[in-house]
Structures are given as C-alpha cells and as structure tokens.
Protein backbone atom coordinates (compact mmCIF):
# COMPACT_ATOMS: atom_id res chain seq x y z
CA MET A 1 -151.28 125.73 -193.74
CA ALA A 2 -149.50 125.12 -190.41
CA VAL A 3 -147.64 121.78 -190.28
CA LYS A 4 -146.84 119.97 -187.05
CA ILE A 5 -144.63 117.00 -186.33
CA ARG A 6 -146.44 114.86 -183.80
CA MET A 7 -147.29 111.23 -182.92
CA THR A 8 -150.24 109.06 -183.89
CA ARG A 9 -151.17 106.26 -181.47
CA MET A 10 -151.21 102.75 -182.93
CA GLY A 11 -151.21 99.22 -181.46
CA ARG A 12 -153.69 97.50 -179.17
CA ARG A 13 -154.75 97.91 -175.57
CA HIS A 14 -151.84 97.82 -173.10
CA ARG A 15 -149.46 97.64 -176.07
CA PRO A 16 -149.00 101.20 -177.34
CA PHE A 17 -147.07 102.04 -180.49
CA PHE A 18 -146.62 105.54 -181.93
CA ARG A 19 -145.90 106.82 -185.44
CA ILE A 20 -144.10 110.10 -185.97
CA ASN A 21 -145.83 112.03 -188.78
CA ALA A 22 -145.91 115.42 -190.45
CA ILE A 23 -149.58 116.43 -190.20
CA ASP A 24 -151.82 119.43 -190.62
CA SER A 25 -152.27 121.17 -187.27
CA ARG A 26 -156.05 121.30 -187.81
CA ALA A 27 -156.37 117.52 -188.32
CA PRO A 28 -157.26 115.22 -185.39
CA ARG A 29 -154.73 112.95 -183.69
CA ASP A 30 -155.47 109.93 -185.88
CA GLY A 31 -156.43 111.96 -188.95
CA THR A 32 -154.84 111.97 -192.44
CA ILE A 33 -151.09 112.60 -192.47
CA LEU A 34 -148.81 114.42 -194.90
CA GLU A 35 -145.77 112.12 -194.49
CA LYS A 36 -144.54 109.36 -192.22
CA LEU A 37 -141.18 110.30 -190.61
CA GLY A 38 -140.59 107.33 -188.24
CA HIS A 39 -141.98 105.55 -185.19
CA TYR A 40 -141.56 105.28 -181.38
CA ASP A 41 -141.98 101.96 -179.50
CA PRO A 42 -141.80 102.56 -175.68
CA ILE A 43 -142.11 98.81 -174.86
CA GLU A 44 -139.07 97.80 -176.92
CA LYS A 45 -136.25 96.71 -174.60
CA ASP A 46 -133.48 97.59 -177.05
CA LYS A 47 -133.12 101.38 -176.75
CA THR A 48 -131.55 101.68 -180.19
CA LYS A 49 -134.72 100.24 -181.72
CA GLN A 50 -137.17 102.28 -179.63
CA ILE A 51 -136.87 105.40 -181.85
CA VAL A 52 -136.61 105.17 -185.64
CA LEU A 53 -136.44 108.46 -187.64
CA ASP A 54 -135.84 109.65 -191.19
CA ILE A 55 -133.52 112.48 -190.14
CA GLU A 56 -133.26 114.10 -193.59
CA ARG A 57 -137.05 114.38 -193.97
CA VAL A 58 -137.38 115.66 -190.40
CA LYS A 59 -134.85 118.42 -191.12
CA TYR A 60 -136.66 119.22 -194.38
CA TRP A 61 -139.98 119.77 -192.58
CA LEU A 62 -138.27 121.77 -189.82
CA ASP A 63 -136.71 124.04 -192.46
CA LYS A 64 -140.17 124.49 -194.01
CA GLY A 65 -141.50 125.73 -190.59
CA ALA A 66 -143.03 122.60 -189.16
CA ILE A 67 -143.50 122.85 -185.37
CA PRO A 68 -142.68 119.72 -183.31
CA SER A 69 -144.68 118.82 -180.24
CA ASP A 70 -142.99 118.80 -176.83
CA THR A 71 -142.51 115.02 -176.87
CA ILE A 72 -141.13 115.06 -180.43
CA SER A 73 -138.84 117.95 -179.47
CA ASP A 74 -137.34 115.85 -176.64
CA ILE A 75 -136.94 112.86 -179.02
CA LEU A 76 -135.17 115.04 -181.62
CA LEU A 77 -132.80 116.40 -178.99
CA LYS A 78 -131.97 112.84 -177.92
CA LYS A 79 -131.14 112.06 -181.53
CA GLY A 80 -128.94 115.18 -181.76
CA ILE A 81 -131.25 117.26 -183.97
CA LYS A 82 -131.24 120.85 -182.69
CA HIS A 83 -133.90 123.34 -183.70
CA LYS A 84 -135.10 126.78 -182.71
CA TYR A 85 -138.32 125.53 -181.14
CA ALA A 86 -136.38 123.55 -178.54
CA GLU A 87 -134.42 126.68 -177.58
CA GLN A 88 -137.62 128.70 -177.35
CA ARG A 89 -139.21 126.03 -175.21
CA ALA A 90 -136.17 125.90 -172.91
CA ALA A 91 -136.31 129.70 -172.52
CA ARG A 92 -140.02 129.59 -171.69
CA ARG A 93 -139.45 126.86 -169.13
CA ALA A 94 -136.59 128.83 -167.53
CA ARG A 95 -138.81 131.92 -167.19
CA ALA A 96 -141.64 129.83 -165.74
CA ARG A 97 -139.26 128.16 -163.31
CA ALA A 98 -137.90 131.55 -162.18
CA LEU A 99 -141.43 132.87 -161.58
CA ALA A 100 -142.35 129.77 -159.60
CA ARG A 101 -139.22 130.09 -157.48
CA ALA A 102 -139.94 133.79 -156.89
CA LYS A 103 -143.45 132.90 -155.65
CA GLY A 104 -142.10 130.07 -153.52
CA LYS A 105 -143.83 127.37 -155.54
CA PHE A 106 -142.58 124.19 -157.18
CA PHE A 107 -142.18 124.19 -160.95
CA THR A 108 -142.54 120.46 -161.47
CA GLN A 109 -143.96 117.57 -159.53
CA ALA A 110 -140.49 116.07 -159.26
CA GLU A 111 -139.31 119.18 -157.42
CA ARG A 112 -142.29 118.98 -155.06
CA ILE A 113 -141.62 115.31 -154.30
CA ALA A 114 -137.93 116.02 -153.76
CA ALA A 115 -138.75 118.90 -151.40
CA GLU A 116 -141.17 116.71 -149.42
CA LYS A 117 -138.55 113.99 -149.12
CA ALA A 118 -135.95 116.53 -147.98
CA ALA A 119 -138.37 117.92 -145.36
CA LYS A 120 -139.13 114.42 -144.11
CA GLY A 121 -135.43 113.62 -143.95
CA ALA A 122 -134.74 116.83 -142.01
CA ALA A 123 -137.59 116.09 -139.58
CA GLU A 124 -136.35 112.54 -139.07
CA ALA A 125 -132.81 113.81 -138.54
CA ALA A 126 -134.07 116.36 -135.98
CA GLU A 127 -136.05 113.65 -134.17
CA ALA A 128 -133.05 111.32 -134.18
CA LYS A 129 -130.86 114.11 -132.84
CA ALA A 130 -133.38 114.94 -130.10
CA LYS A 131 -133.63 111.27 -129.15
CA ALA A 132 -129.85 110.96 -129.05
CA GLU A 133 -129.57 114.06 -126.86
CA ALA A 134 -132.30 112.77 -124.55
CA GLU A 135 -130.56 109.39 -124.27
CA ALA A 136 -127.23 111.10 -123.61
CA LYS A 137 -128.83 113.24 -120.87
CA ALA A 138 -130.47 110.19 -119.34
CA LYS A 139 -127.17 108.30 -119.36
CA ALA A 140 -125.35 111.29 -117.83
CA GLU A 141 -127.98 111.60 -115.10
CA ALA A 142 -127.77 107.88 -114.41
CA LYS A 143 -123.98 108.11 -114.15
CA GLU A 144 -124.24 111.08 -111.79
CA LYS A 145 -126.72 109.19 -109.62
CA GLU A 146 -124.42 106.15 -109.55
CA GLU A 147 -121.43 108.32 -108.67
CA LYS A 148 -123.40 110.02 -105.90
CA ALA A 149 -124.58 106.65 -104.62
CA GLU A 150 -120.97 105.42 -104.61
CA ALA A 151 -119.67 108.64 -103.05
CA GLU A 152 -122.21 108.69 -100.22
CA PRO A 153 -120.82 105.64 -98.38
CA ALA A 154 -117.29 107.01 -98.76
CA ALA A 155 -118.40 110.39 -97.40
CA GLU A 156 -120.17 108.70 -94.50
CA ALA A 157 -117.07 106.64 -93.79
CA ALA A 158 -114.93 109.79 -93.87
CA VAL A 159 -117.30 111.56 -91.48
CA ALA A 160 -117.24 108.54 -89.16
CA GLU A 161 -113.44 108.50 -89.27
CA GLU A 162 -113.31 112.21 -88.49
CA ALA A 163 -115.67 111.69 -85.57
CA LYS A 164 -113.49 108.84 -84.30
CA ALA A 165 -110.36 110.99 -84.67
CA GLU A 166 -112.02 113.80 -82.70
CA VAL A 167 -112.99 111.35 -79.97
CA VAL A 168 -109.42 110.03 -79.85
CA GLU A 169 -108.03 113.58 -79.70
CA GLU A 170 -110.40 114.49 -76.87
CA LYS A 171 -109.36 111.38 -74.96
CA ALA A 172 -105.69 112.22 -75.54
CA LYS A 173 -106.26 115.77 -74.29
CA ALA A 174 -108.05 114.42 -71.24
CA GLU A 175 -105.17 112.00 -70.53
CA ALA A 176 -102.49 114.69 -71.11
CA PRO A 177 -102.79 116.29 -67.61
CA GLU A 178 -102.30 112.88 -66.01
CA ALA A 179 -99.15 112.37 -68.08
CA LYS A 180 -97.89 115.77 -66.97
CA GLU A 181 -98.29 114.84 -63.31
CA GLU A 182 -95.84 111.97 -63.61
CA PRO A 183 -92.86 114.13 -64.73
CA VAL A 184 -93.40 116.45 -61.73
CA GLU A 185 -93.11 113.53 -59.34
CA ALA A 186 -90.08 112.24 -61.27
CA LYS A 187 -88.44 115.66 -60.93
CA VAL A 188 -88.97 115.65 -57.17
CA GLU A 189 -87.41 112.20 -56.91
CA GLU A 190 -84.46 113.20 -59.09
CA ALA A 191 -83.84 116.33 -57.00
CA ALA A 192 -83.88 114.24 -53.85
CA ALA A 193 -81.51 111.71 -55.47
CA LYS A 194 -79.04 114.46 -56.49
CA GLU A 195 -79.00 116.00 -53.05
CA GLU A 196 -78.17 112.69 -51.41
CA PRO A 197 -74.85 112.00 -53.26
CA ALA A 198 -73.77 115.63 -52.87
CA GLU A 199 -74.19 115.43 -49.14
CA ALA A 200 -72.55 112.01 -48.87
CA PRO A 201 -68.84 113.16 -48.74
CA LYS A 202 -69.61 115.81 -46.17
CA ALA A 203 -71.28 113.23 -44.03
CA LYS A 204 -67.92 111.55 -43.41
CA GLU A 205 -66.32 114.71 -42.01
CA GLU A 206 -69.21 116.26 -40.12
CA PRO A 207 -70.38 114.86 -36.89
CA VAL A 208 -73.77 113.47 -36.10
CA GLU A 209 -75.07 116.83 -34.87
CA ALA A 210 -74.19 118.51 -38.16
CA LYS A 211 -76.02 115.76 -39.99
CA VAL A 212 -79.09 116.38 -37.89
CA GLU A 213 -78.93 120.11 -38.56
CA LYS A 214 -78.59 119.49 -42.30
CA VAL A 215 -81.55 117.14 -42.30
CA GLU A 216 -83.58 119.77 -40.46
CA LYS A 217 -82.55 122.40 -43.04
CA GLU A 218 -83.29 120.14 -46.00
CA ALA A 219 -86.75 119.28 -44.72
CA PRO A 220 -88.28 122.71 -45.55
CA ALA A 221 -86.74 122.58 -49.04
CA ALA A 222 -88.32 119.17 -49.70
CA GLU A 223 -91.60 120.45 -48.37
CA ALA A 224 -91.39 123.45 -50.76
CA VAL A 225 -90.73 121.14 -53.71
CA GLU A 226 -93.65 118.95 -52.73
CA ALA A 227 -95.89 122.05 -52.43
CA GLU A 228 -94.84 123.17 -55.90
CA ALA A 229 -95.60 119.70 -57.31
CA ALA A 230 -99.00 119.73 -55.65
CA ALA A 231 -99.68 123.22 -57.05
CA THR A 232 -98.84 122.01 -60.57
CA GLU A 233 -101.00 118.90 -60.09
CA GLU A 234 -104.03 120.92 -58.95
CA PRO A 235 -104.33 123.09 -62.15
CA ALA A 236 -103.75 119.99 -64.29
CA GLU A 237 -106.59 118.20 -62.52
CA ALA A 238 -108.75 121.33 -62.78
CA LYS A 239 -108.07 121.51 -66.53
CA ALA A 240 -108.99 117.84 -66.96
CA GLU A 241 -112.20 118.42 -65.03
CA GLU A 242 -112.92 121.54 -67.13
CA VAL A 243 -112.38 119.50 -70.33
CA LYS A 244 -114.65 116.73 -69.08
CA GLU A 245 -117.33 119.10 -67.76
CA PRO A 246 -118.19 120.77 -71.13
CA LYS A 247 -118.60 117.36 -72.77
CA ALA A 248 -120.89 116.18 -69.99
CA GLU A 249 -122.82 119.46 -70.13
CA LYS A 250 -123.23 119.17 -73.93
CA LYS A 251 -124.46 115.58 -73.63
CA ALA A 252 -126.86 116.57 -70.85
CA LYS A 253 -128.17 119.51 -72.91
CA THR A 254 -128.72 117.34 -76.00
CA LYS A 255 -130.52 114.72 -73.92
CA ALA A 256 -132.65 117.40 -72.26
CA LYS A 257 -133.57 118.89 -75.66
CA ALA A 258 -134.49 115.46 -77.04
CA LYS A 259 -136.63 114.73 -73.98
CA ALA A 260 -138.30 118.14 -74.22
CA GLU A 261 -139.08 117.60 -77.90
CA ASP A 262 -140.51 114.13 -77.19
CA LYS A 263 -142.60 115.55 -74.36
CA SER A 264 -143.84 118.41 -76.55
CA GLU A 265 -144.87 115.95 -79.27
CA GLU A 266 -146.61 113.70 -76.72
CA THR A 267 -148.42 116.67 -75.19
CA ALA A 268 -149.50 117.88 -78.65
CA VAL A 269 -150.88 114.42 -79.47
CA GLU A 270 -152.66 114.21 -76.12
CA GLU A 271 -154.14 117.70 -76.57
CA ALA A 272 -155.36 116.77 -80.05
CA LYS A 273 -156.98 113.61 -78.67
CA ALA A 274 -158.57 115.57 -75.83
CA GLU A 275 -159.92 118.18 -78.26
CA ALA A 276 -161.30 115.41 -80.46
CA LYS A 277 -162.99 113.82 -77.42
CA VAL A 278 -164.43 117.19 -76.38
CA GLU A 279 -165.64 117.97 -79.89
CA GLU A 280 -167.33 114.57 -80.41
CA PRO A 281 -170.07 115.09 -77.77
CA LYS A 282 -170.58 118.64 -79.01
CA ALA A 283 -171.09 117.39 -82.55
CA LYS A 284 -173.50 114.73 -81.29
CA LYS A 285 -175.43 117.33 -79.30
CA LYS A 286 -175.65 119.60 -82.34
CA ALA A 287 -176.88 116.72 -84.50
CA LYS A 288 -179.53 115.81 -81.92
CA ALA A 289 -180.62 119.45 -81.64
CA LYS A 290 -180.94 119.66 -85.43
CA GLU A 291 -183.01 116.45 -85.51
CA LYS A 292 -185.32 117.78 -82.78
CA ALA A 293 -185.73 121.10 -84.57
CA GLU A 294 -186.58 119.30 -87.81
CA GLU A 295 -189.14 117.08 -86.00
CA LYS A 296 -190.73 120.16 -84.41
CA ALA A 297 -190.91 121.89 -87.80
CA VAL A 298 -192.58 118.82 -89.32
CA GLU A 299 -195.08 118.61 -86.44
CA GLU A 300 -195.90 122.31 -86.74
CA ALA A 301 -196.45 121.96 -90.48
CA GLU A 302 -198.76 119.00 -89.94
CA ALA A 303 -200.67 120.90 -87.23
CA LYS A 304 -201.11 123.89 -89.56
CA ALA A 305 -202.38 121.59 -92.29
CA LYS A 306 -204.94 120.07 -89.89
CA GLU A 307 -206.17 123.40 -88.44
CA PRO A 308 -208.46 124.39 -91.35
CA LYS A 309 -210.19 121.01 -91.25
CA ALA A 310 -210.72 121.31 -87.51
CA LYS A 311 -212.16 124.81 -87.93
CA LYS A 312 -214.55 123.61 -90.64
CA LYS A 313 -215.70 120.81 -88.40
CA ALA A 314 -216.00 123.14 -85.45
CA LYS A 315 -218.23 125.69 -87.28
CA PRO A 316 -221.39 123.56 -87.29
CA LYS A 317 -220.88 122.84 -83.61
CA ALA A 318 -220.61 126.51 -82.89
CA LYS A 319 -224.19 127.17 -84.19
CA ASP A 320 -226.98 127.83 -81.79
CA LYS A 321 -229.52 125.23 -80.82
CA GLY A 322 -232.26 127.13 -82.63
CA GLU A 323 -230.37 127.03 -85.84
CA GLN A 324 -229.80 123.31 -85.38
CA ALA A 325 -233.52 122.74 -84.95
CA GLU A 326 -234.32 124.76 -88.05
CA ALA A 327 -231.82 122.74 -90.02
CA LYS A 328 -233.43 119.52 -88.83
CA GLU A 329 -236.89 120.75 -89.84
CA ALA A 330 -235.59 121.78 -93.28
CA LYS A 331 -234.11 118.34 -93.79
CA ALA A 332 -237.36 116.70 -92.71
CA GLU A 333 -239.33 118.86 -95.13
CA LYS A 334 -237.02 117.93 -97.95
CA LYS A 335 -237.54 114.28 -97.17
CA GLU A 336 -241.38 114.72 -96.96
CA LYS A 337 -241.71 116.67 -100.22
CA PRO A 338 -241.04 113.69 -102.51
CA LYS A 339 -243.49 111.63 -100.44
CA LYS A 340 -246.20 114.28 -100.81
CA LYS A 341 -245.55 114.48 -104.53
CA ALA A 342 -245.88 110.72 -104.84
CA VAL A 343 -249.19 110.81 -102.94
CA ARG A 344 -250.52 113.58 -105.18
CA LYS A 345 -249.55 111.66 -108.29
CA LYS A 346 -251.33 108.57 -107.03
CA LYS A 347 -254.46 110.57 -106.30
CA ALA A 348 -254.26 112.18 -109.73
CA ASP A 349 -253.88 108.82 -111.37
CA LYS A 350 -256.87 107.43 -109.50
CA GLY A 351 -259.02 110.44 -110.51
CA ASP A 352 -258.15 109.89 -114.13
CA GLU A 353 -259.09 106.23 -113.90
CA ASP A 354 -262.46 107.11 -112.41
C-alpha cells in the first residue's frame, strides 16, 4: 500500500482550513485517513500558528516511504525537515527550467510576468530617451535660429559699415589729387621766396640795368616752374576724372540694366495680355462654330427621322388616277355589302313570316 502525506480541506466557505494527514494514495481527498499529523490555517495572522506539525510522526512516515505532496514538501522544508523527495523534486524542476530556457520559453508565470514588465520598462525607457533626444534637437535648432536671427542684424550692420568705409575711401582717393595740387603751388611760391632774398644783397651793388637783366633772365625760369606745376596738375586732374568716370559708368550701367529688366517685364506682360485678347475671340468663334455644327447635326437627324413618314405619305399620292378610282369603288362596295346583307335578311324574315 502506497502512503501519501497530503492535506484534507476543512472549514466553511471562504474560510478554508486544512489538515495534514497520512492517507492511502488510492483514497479520495476527504476519504478515511491513517493518521493525523497536524494542520495548516492560511487565514491565521500569526505565522507561528499557521502550521502545526507532529515532527516525530512525520519523520516516521517518511522513513516508512510515505510520499509528501508538493505543498506538504514546501511546508516541511519551511519547518526544516529535509527529505529525498524534495531533492528529487528540485532536480526535476531544474531540468524542466533548463529545457524551457533552451527553447526560449518561460518556466513559471512569475518569470513571464517579470519578462513582460522588463520589456515594458525597456520600451518606456527607449521612448523617454527618444523624446529627450527630440526635445534636445528642437532646443538646439531653436537656439541656432535665435543665434542666426541675432547675427543677421550684426552682419548687416557690418556690411553697411564696410560699404560706408569704401565710400569714404573712394571720396578720399578722389580728393587726394586736389590735395597734391596745393603742395606744387606752395613749392613754386617757396622757390620764388628763396630767390628773392638771395638776389637782395647783389641788388645793392649792381646797377639798375643789371637788375633788369636779372629779372629778364629769371622770368624764363619762373615760367618753366609754372609749366612744370601745370604739367603735374593736369595728370592729377586726369586721374581724378578717371576715378570719377568708372563710378559714373557703373551707376549708369546698373540703371540701364534695371530699366531694361523693367521694360522686358512690362513687354512680357503686355504680350501676354495681347495674346489673351487675341485668343479670346478665337475661342468664342470656335465655340460658336461647335454650336452651329451641333445644331446642324440635330436638324439633319430630325430630317432623317421625318423622311420615312413623308415617303409613306407620298406613296398614295404617287398612284395613278385609275388606281385611285378603283380604290374608291372598292371602298363603296365594302360599304354597300352590309346594306345588301341587311336587305336580304329582311326579305328572308318576311318570307318566313308569310
């Protein structure tokens, strides 16, 4: 006889209470028992009172070969009672767990729930990371846009300053030849001033005639100096004119280009309007021609539909006069036949009466 150590359910509804018994393995759950070994009360709050066992009798039945159920095996292990069936069960569970892991399945429901939670946590973490990256990118783009917006006015101001500096430099270059002309005149005056004091002591000794001769000799030298000054002034003026001319030419070219572009745009618009005006009457003419063609087609169709009727009506007219007379006689005979029959009937009726 195989003996098992298992629980028998006692208590009422919603208030379970279990007895731990040694029982024949062939007996039902609530069948006759061999010996009571303790009880298990899951609703008891005091954990020390939840499980009550007769440890000596439990060991006795285990030594005799009694097999505990899985629940009883866990309870015995909690109480510190080790037995070979617990080790065997642990080995079986380890092999089953290894097979499940090899197949990529979960061994227990707890493992499945834990894996689902971990997957959800990983997905949420990935979403949070993606959101954070997207927000960081958006912030970076916004900062770049702000920096560009702030840098644009500064760049425009710098460009305007450069343009102003160029204008000032061009003006300075244009005014430079005029400034150069003044030193040439100053040099001529200085040369004349130097010559006068040098000649002053000699003027005391020399007579009036010598002074006249000297003045005549000095006149060509002064004229030569003046010619040189004029020669230097002419290239300076020519350079200033050359500097001014390219600017004026550039401005004139830009204005001419702008005017040409405006004229080309105006001409294009006028041409488009003219084409539209030309095309409008053509479109109207085409529409009218289509309407006329449709009306003609409708009239022709109606005429064709009326032709057979006209022919049928025309056939009797096309008969000869003789045929018409015969037809009239036939109609008259048809009308007279019923009259003759009526007369005959009357006569026959009278003869019968007689």
